Amino acid sequence: MSLIFIILTGFLMLNFLTGEVTRSRTDMACSDVNNIEDGNKLFCLVTDLVIPYWIWIIISIAIGAVVVRYVF
């Protein structure tokens, strides 16, 4: 039950992050290939990795909570 609660809570927070990532990409002009600088390219790539990273964090915390409950 706690696994489902942790995953649902995490994915609800994911909805807030997707809007912020989209707004950040728009503000940094990540889709403008001709006028983007090297440092900005790197930051755009890091910004794109926020959503998959967040999903891995949610799954890791949920699995960790279940494992701790059954092992200890």
PDB file of N, CA and C in Angstrom:
ATOM      1  N   MET A   1       0.823  -1.183   0.000  1.00  0.00           N
ATOM      2  CA  MET A   1       0.000   0.000   0.000  1.00  0.00           C
ATOM      3  C   MET A   1       0.876   1.259   0.000  1.00  0.00           C
ATOM      4  N   SER A   2       1.954   1.214   0.771  1.00  0.00           N
ATOM      5  CA  SER A   2       2.831   2.386   0.820  1.00  0.00           C
ATOM      6  C   SER A   2       3.551   2.587  -0.512  1.00  0.00           C
ATOM      7  N   LEU A   3       3.845   1.508  -1.221  1.00  0.00           N
ATOM      8  CA  LEU A   3       4.469   1.608  -2.535  1.00  0.00           C
ATOM      9  C   LEU A   3       3.568   2.394  -3.488  1.00  0.00           C
ATOM     10  N   ILE A   4       2.302   2.066  -3.508  1.00  0.00           N
ATOM     11  CA  ILE A   4       1.360   2.760  -4.388  1.00  0.00           C
ATOM     12  C   ILE A   4       1.224   4.221  -3.982  1.00  0.00           C
ATOM     13  N   PHE A   5       1.164   4.503  -2.695  1.00  0.00           N
ATOM     14  CA  PHE A   5       1.035   5.880  -2.222  1.00  0.00           C
ATOM     15  C   PHE A   5       2.257   6.712  -2.607  1.00  0.00           C
ATOM     16  N   ILE A   6       3.439   6.159  -2.438  1.00  0.00           N
ATOM     17  CA  ILE A   6       4.662   6.893  -2.786  1.00  0.00           C
ATOM     18  C   ILE A   6       4.728   7.158  -4.281  1.00  0.00           C
ATOM     19  N   ILE A   7       4.382   6.172  -5.094  1.00  0.00           N
ATOM     20  CA  ILE A   7       4.424   6.347  -6.542  1.00  0.00           C
ATOM     21  C   ILE A   7       3.384   7.370  -6.992  1.00  0.00           C
ATOM     22  N   LEU A   8       2.173   7.295  -6.462  1.00  0.00           N
ATOM     23  CA  LEU A   8       1.146   8.260  -6.842  1.00  0.00           C
ATOM     24  C   LEU A   8       1.514   9.680  -6.436  1.00  0.00           C
ATOM     25  N   THR A   9       2.034   9.847  -5.247  1.00  0.00           N
ATOM     26  CA  THR A   9       2.445  11.174  -4.792  1.00  0.00           C
ATOM     27  C   THR A   9       3.581  11.715  -5.650  1.00  0.00           C
ATOM     28  N   GLY A  10       4.528  10.874  -5.985  1.00  0.00           N
ATOM     29  CA  GLY A  10       5.647  11.303  -6.821  1.00  0.00           C
ATOM     30  C   GLY A  10       5.212  11.700  -8.213  1.00  0.00           C
ATOM     31  N   PHE A  11       4.308  10.906  -8.810  1.00  0.00           N
ATOM     32  CA  PHE A  11       3.856  11.239 -10.159  1.00  0.00           C
ATOM     33  C   PHE A  11       2.940  12.449 -10.171  1.00  0.00           C
ATOM     34  N   LEU A  12       2.268  12.734  -9.070  1.00  0.00           N
ATOM     35  CA  LEU A  12       1.506  13.981  -8.984  1.00  0.00           C
ATOM     36  C   LEU A  12       2.452  15.180  -8.994  1.00  0.00           C
ATOM     37  N   MET A  13       3.577  15.059  -8.313  1.00  0.00           N
ATOM     38  CA  MET A  13       4.567  16.135  -8.333  1.00  0.00           C
ATOM     39  C   MET A  13       5.207  16.265  -9.712  1.00  0.00           C
ATOM     40  N   LEU A  14       5.258  15.177 -10.449  1.00  0.00           N
ATOM     41  CA  LEU A  14       5.825  15.187 -11.792  1.00  0.00           C
ATOM     42  C   LEU A  14       5.037  16.105 -12.724  1.00  0.00           C
ATOM     43  N   ASN A  15       3.728  16.201 -12.521  1.00  0.00           N
ATOM     44  CA  ASN A  15       2.914  17.096 -13.337  1.00  0.00           C
ATOM     45  C   ASN A  15       3.328  18.551 -13.162  1.00  0.00           C
ATOM     46  N   PHE A  16       3.717  18.932 -11.968  1.00  0.00           N
ATOM     47  CA  PHE A  16       4.179  20.295 -11.742  1.00  0.00           C
ATOM     48  C   PHE A  16       5.542  20.541 -12.395  1.00  0.00           C
ATOM     49  N   LEU A  17       6.380  19.525 -12.390  1.00  0.00           N
ATOM     50  CA  LEU A  17       7.719  19.672 -12.964  1.00  0.00           C
ATOM     51  C   LEU A  17       7.705  19.786 -14.479  1.00  0.00           C
ATOM     52  N   THR A  18       6.794  19.089 -15.145  1.00  0.00           N
ATOM     53  CA  THR A  18       6.781  19.131 -16.612  1.00  0.00           C
ATOM     54  C   THR A  18       6.498  20.531 -17.126  1.00  0.00           C
ATOM     55  N   GLY A  19       5.619  21.246 -16.480  1.00  0.00           N
ATOM     56  CA  GLY A  19       5.342  22.625 -16.877  1.00  0.00           C
ATOM     57  C   GLY A  19       6.543  23.527 -16.672  1.00  0.00           C
ATOM     58  N   GLU A  20       7.243  23.330 -15.575  1.00  0.00           N
ATOM     59  CA  GLU A  20       8.425  24.142 -15.293  1.00  0.00           C
ATOM     60  C   GLU A  20       9.561  23.840 -16.261  1.00  0.00           C
ATOM     61  N   VAL A  21       9.727  22.567 -16.626  1.00  0.00           N
ATOM     62  CA  VAL A  21      10.771  22.198 -17.590  1.00  0.00           C
ATOM     63  C   VAL A  21      10.457  22.805 -18.951  1.00  0.00           C
ATOM     64  N   THR A  22       9.208  22.754 -19.350  1.00  0.00           N
ATOM     65  CA  THR A  22       8.805  23.343 -20.632  1.00  0.00           C
ATOM     66  C   THR A  22       9.030  24.847 -20.636  1.00  0.00           C
ATOM     67  N   ARG A  23       8.662  25.499 -19.545  1.00  0.00           N
ATOM     68  CA  ARG A  23       8.859  26.947 -19.461  1.00  0.00           C
ATOM     69  C   ARG A  23      10.345  27.296 -19.456  1.00  0.00           C
ATOM     70  N   SER A  24      11.153  26.498 -18.780  1.00  0.00           N
ATOM     71  CA  SER A  24      12.593  26.733 -18.745  1.00  0.00           C
ATOM     72  C   SER A  24      13.210  26.575 -20.127  1.00  0.00           C
ATOM     73  N   ARG A  25      12.793  25.542 -20.863  1.00  0.00           N
ATOM     74  CA  ARG A  25      13.309  25.345 -22.221  1.00  0.00           C
ATOM     75  C   ARG A  25      12.905  26.495 -23.139  1.00  0.00           C
ATOM     76  N   THR A  26      11.704  27.015 -22.956  1.00  0.00           N
ATOM     77  CA  THR A  26      11.248  28.139 -23.773  1.00  0.00           C
ATOM     78  C   THR A  26      12.035  29.395 -23.440  1.00  0.00           C
ATOM     79  N   ASP A  27      12.264  29.642 -22.161  1.00  0.00           N
ATOM     80  CA  ASP A  27      13.008  30.840 -21.750  1.00  0.00           C
ATOM     81  C   ASP A  27      14.462  30.807 -22.205  1.00  0.00           C
ATOM     82  N   MET A  28      15.061  29.622 -22.247  1.00  0.00           N
ATOM     83  CA  MET A  28      16.460  29.506 -22.669  1.00  0.00           C
ATOM     84  C   MET A  28      16.609  29.366 -24.184  1.00  0.00           C
ATOM     85  N   ALA A  29      15.498  29.279 -24.897  1.00  0.00           N
ATOM     86  CA  ALA A  29      15.489  29.126 -26.358  1.00  0.00           C
ATOM     87  C   ALA A  29      16.282  27.888 -26.779  1.00  0.00           C
ATOM     88  N   CYS A  30      15.962  26.764 -26.160  1.00  0.00           N
ATOM     89  CA  CYS A  30      16.677  25.523 -26.463  1.00  0.00           C
ATOM     90  C   CYS A  30      16.382  25.001 -27.862  1.00  0.00           C
ATOM     91  N   SER A  31      15.246  25.355 -28.420  1.00  0.00           N
ATOM     92  CA  SER A  31      14.912  24.853 -29.751  1.00  0.00           C
ATOM     93  C   SER A  31      15.488  25.716 -30.869  1.00  0.00           C
ATOM     94  N   ASP A  32      16.114  26.848 -30.536  1.00  0.00           N
ATOM     95  CA  ASP A  32      16.723  27.717 -31.541  1.00  0.00           C
ATOM     96  C   ASP A  32      18.149  27.235 -31.804  1.00  0.00           C
ATOM     97  N   VAL A  33      18.305  26.402 -32.812  1.00  0.00           N
ATOM     98  CA  VAL A  33      19.578  25.731 -33.059  1.00  0.00           C
ATOM     99  C   VAL A  33      20.649  26.698 -33.559  1.00  0.00           C
ATOM    100  N   ASN A  34      20.275  27.694 -34.273  1.00  0.00           N
ATOM    101  CA  ASN A  34      21.255  28.604 -34.883  1.00  0.00           C
ATOM    102  C   ASN A  34      21.867  29.592 -33.892  1.00  0.00           C
ATOM    103  N   ASN A  35      21.165  29.949 -32.852  1.00  0.00           N
ATOM    104  CA  ASN A  35      21.644  31.002 -31.946  1.00  0.00           C
ATOM    105  C   ASN A  35      21.894  30.517 -30.521  1.00  0.00           C
ATOM    106  N   ILE A  36      22.171  29.250 -30.338  1.00  0.00           N
ATOM    107  CA  ILE A  36      22.409  28.731 -28.993  1.00  0.00           C
ATOM    108  C   ILE A  36      23.912  28.572 -28.761  1.00  0.00           C
ATOM    109  N   GLU A  37      24.354  28.905 -27.550  1.00  0.00           N
ATOM    110  CA  GLU A  37      25.770  28.798 -27.200  1.00  0.00           C
ATOM    111  C   GLU A  37      26.056  27.436 -26.574  1.00  0.00           C
ATOM    112  N   ASP A  38      27.339  27.105 -26.437  1.00  0.00           N
ATOM    113  CA  ASP A  38      27.725  25.784 -25.931  1.00  0.00           C
ATOM    114  C   ASP A  38      27.280  25.552 -24.489  1.00  0.00           C
ATOM    115  N   GLY A  39      27.471  26.532 -23.633  1.00  0.00           N
ATOM    116  CA  GLY A  39      27.064  26.386 -22.241  1.00  0.00           C
ATOM    117  C   GLY A  39      25.563  26.248 -22.110  1.00  0.00           C
ATOM    118  N   ASN A  40      24.859  26.953 -22.964  1.00  0.00           N
ATOM    119  CA  ASN A  40      23.403  26.874 -22.941  1.00  0.00           C
ATOM    120  C   ASN A  40      22.920  25.513 -23.445  1.00  0.00           C
ATOM    121  N   LYS A  41      23.649  24.920 -24.392  1.00  0.00           N
ATOM    122  CA  LYS A  41      23.313  23.576 -24.873  1.00  0.00           C
ATOM    123  C   LYS A  41      23.405  22.566 -23.732  1.00  0.00           C
ATOM    124  N   LEU A  42      24.468  22.681 -22.957  1.00  0.00           N
ATOM    125  CA  LEU A  42      24.662  21.766 -21.840  1.00  0.00           C
ATOM    126  C   LEU A  42      23.553  21.924 -20.811  1.00  0.00           C
ATOM    127  N   PHE A  43      23.199  23.151 -20.523  1.00  0.00           N
ATOM    128  CA  PHE A  43      22.147  23.390 -19.546  1.00  0.00           C
ATOM    129  C   PHE A  43      20.789  22.915 -20.063  1.00  0.00           C
ATOM    130  N   CYS A  44      20.568  23.015 -21.368  1.00  0.00           N
ATOM    131  CA  CYS A  44      19.331  22.480 -21.956  1.00  0.00           C
ATOM    132  C   CYS A  44      19.282  20.967 -21.817  1.00  0.00           C
ATOM    133  N   LEU A  45      20.414  20.296 -22.007  1.00  0.00           N
ATOM    134  CA  LEU A  45      20.460  18.844 -21.833  1.00  0.00           C
ATOM    135  C   LEU A  45      20.187  18.440 -20.390  1.00  0.00           C
ATOM    136  N   VAL A  46      20.753  19.176 -19.446  1.00  0.00           N
ATOM    137  CA  VAL A  46      20.529  18.890 -18.022  1.00  0.00           C
ATOM    138  C   VAL A  46      19.062  19.123 -17.677  1.00  0.00           C
ATOM    139  N   THR A  47      18.481  20.164 -18.242  1.00  0.00           N
ATOM    140  CA  THR A  47      17.068  20.447 -17.995  1.00  0.00           C
ATOM    141  C   THR A  47      16.188  19.331 -18.545  1.00  0.00           C
ATOM    142  N   ASP A  48      16.568  18.772 -19.683  1.00  0.00           N
ATOM    143  CA  ASP A  48      15.800  17.664 -20.254  1.00  0.00           C
ATOM    144  C   ASP A  48      15.883  16.406 -19.409  1.00  0.00           C
ATOM    145  N   LEU A  49      16.915  16.253 -18.622  1.00  0.00           N
ATOM    146  CA  LEU A  49      17.090  15.054 -17.802  1.00  0.00           C
ATOM    147  C   LEU A  49      16.353  15.110 -16.465  1.00  0.00           C
ATOM    148  N   VAL A  50      15.701  16.223 -16.166  1.00  0.00           N
ATOM    149  CA  VAL A  50      15.024  16.359 -14.880  1.00  0.00           C
ATOM    150  C   VAL A  50      13.884  15.356 -14.750  1.00  0.00           C
ATOM    151  N   ILE A  51      13.074  15.196 -15.774  1.00  0.00           N
ATOM    152  CA  ILE A  51      11.910  14.318 -15.695  1.00  0.00           C
ATOM    153  C   ILE A  51      12.315  12.841 -15.538  1.00  0.00           C
ATOM    154  N   PRO A  52      13.219  12.293 -16.375  1.00  0.00           N
ATOM    155  CA  PRO A  52      13.627  10.893 -16.140  1.00  0.00           C
ATOM    156  C   PRO A  52      14.314  10.688 -14.788  1.00  0.00           C
ATOM    157  N   TYR A  53      15.096  11.669 -14.363  1.00  0.00           N
ATOM    158  CA  TYR A  53      15.760  11.580 -13.065  1.00  0.00           C
ATOM    159  C   TYR A  53      14.724  11.532 -11.947  1.00  0.00           C
ATOM    160  N   TRP A  54      13.698  12.348 -12.057  1.00  0.00           N
ATOM    161  CA  TRP A  54      12.644  12.383 -11.043  1.00  0.00           C
ATOM    162  C   TRP A  54      11.906  11.038 -10.990  1.00  0.00           C
ATOM    163  N   ILE A  55      11.660  10.428 -12.154  1.00  0.00           N
ATOM    164  CA  ILE A  55      10.988   9.129 -12.196  1.00  0.00           C
ATOM    165  C   ILE A  55      11.842   8.065 -11.507  1.00  0.00           C
ATOM    166  N   TRP A  56      13.157   8.076 -11.760  1.00  0.00           N
ATOM    167  CA  TRP A  56      14.041   7.122 -11.097  1.00  0.00           C
ATOM    168  C   TRP A  56      14.065   7.343  -9.590  1.00  0.00           C
ATOM    169  N   ILE A  57      14.021   8.583  -9.143  1.00  0.00           N
ATOM    170  CA  ILE A  57      13.997   8.872  -7.703  1.00  0.00           C
ATOM    171  C   ILE A  57      12.724   8.320  -7.069  1.00  0.00           C
ATOM    172  N   ILE A  58      11.581   8.520  -7.731  1.00  0.00           N
ATOM    173  CA  ILE A  58      10.304   8.036  -7.203  1.00  0.00           C
ATOM    174  C   ILE A  58      10.326   6.520  -7.069  1.00  0.00           C
ATOM    175  N   ILE A  59      10.749   5.844  -8.121  1.00  0.00           N
ATOM    176  CA  ILE A  59      10.774   4.386  -8.098  1.00  0.00           C
ATOM    177  C   ILE A  59      11.761   3.869  -7.052  1.00  0.00           C
ATOM    178  N   SER A  60      12.920   4.515  -6.927  1.00  0.00           N
ATOM    179  CA  SER A  60      13.923   4.085  -5.945  1.00  0.00           C
ATOM    180  C   SER A  60      13.422   4.248  -4.518  1.00  0.00           C
ATOM    181  N   ILE A  61      12.781   5.359  -4.237  1.00  0.00           N
ATOM    182  CA  ILE A  61      12.259   5.580  -2.889  1.00  0.00           C
ATOM    183  C   ILE A  61      11.155   4.588  -2.570  1.00  0.00           C
ATOM    184  N   ALA A  62      10.287   4.329  -3.541  1.00  0.00           N
ATOM    185  CA  ALA A  62       9.189   3.392  -3.306  1.00  0.00           C
ATOM    186  C   ALA A  62       9.714   1.978  -3.059  1.00  0.00           C
ATOM    187  N   ILE A  63      10.628   1.527  -3.886  1.00  0.00           N
ATOM    188  CA  ILE A  63      11.192   0.187  -3.702  1.00  0.00           C
ATOM    189  C   ILE A  63      12.001   0.118  -2.407  1.00  0.00           C
ATOM    190  N   GLY A  64      12.744   1.166  -2.099  1.00  0.00           N
ATOM    191  CA  GLY A  64      13.502   1.211  -0.853  1.00  0.00           C
ATOM    192  C   GLY A  64      12.608   1.141   0.375  1.00  0.00           C
ATOM    193  N   ALA A  65      11.469   1.799   0.316  1.00  0.00           N
ATOM    194  CA  ALA A  65      10.540   1.759   1.454  1.00  0.00           C
ATOM    195  C   ALA A  65       9.985   0.358   1.656  1.00  0.00           C
ATOM    196  N   VAL A  66       9.703  -0.341   0.574  1.00  0.00           N
ATOM    197  CA  VAL A  66       9.182  -1.704   0.681  1.00  0.00           C
ATOM    198  C   VAL A  66      10.265  -2.653   1.185  1.00  0.00           C
ATOM    199  N   VAL A  67      11.472  -2.521   0.663  1.00  0.00           N
ATOM    200  CA  VAL A  67      12.564  -3.402   1.068  1.00  0.00           C
ATOM    201  C   VAL A  67      12.912  -3.196   2.540  1.00  0.00           C
ATOM    202  N   VAL A  68      12.949  -1.970   3.005  1.00  0.00           N
ATOM    203  CA  VAL A  68      13.264  -1.697   4.405  1.00  0.00           C
ATOM    204  C   VAL A  68      12.195  -2.292   5.313  1.00  0.00           C
ATOM    205  N   ARG A  69      10.958  -2.242   4.867  1.00  0.00           N
ATOM    206  CA  ARG A  69       9.874  -2.774   5.690  1.00  0.00           C
ATOM    207  C   ARG A  69       9.978  -4.294   5.849  1.00  0.00           C
ATOM    208  N   TYR A  70      10.386  -5.001   4.797  1.00  0.00           N
ATOM    209  CA  TYR A  70      10.436  -6.459   4.853  1.00  0.00           C
ATOM    210  C   TYR A  70      11.774  -7.012   5.349  1.00  0.00           C
ATOM    211  N   VAL A  71      12.834  -6.256   5.213  1.00  0.00           N
ATOM    212  CA  VAL A  71      14.147  -6.771   5.634  1.00  0.00           C
ATOM    213  C   VAL A  71      14.376  -6.537   7.117  1.00  0.00           C
ATOM    214  N   PHE A  72      14.017  -5.374   7.602  1.00  0.00           N
ATOM    215  CA  PHE A  72      14.327  -5.055   8.991  1.00  0.00           C
ATOM    216  C   PHE A  72      13.122  -5.259   9.861  1.00  0.00           C
TER     217      PHE A  72
END
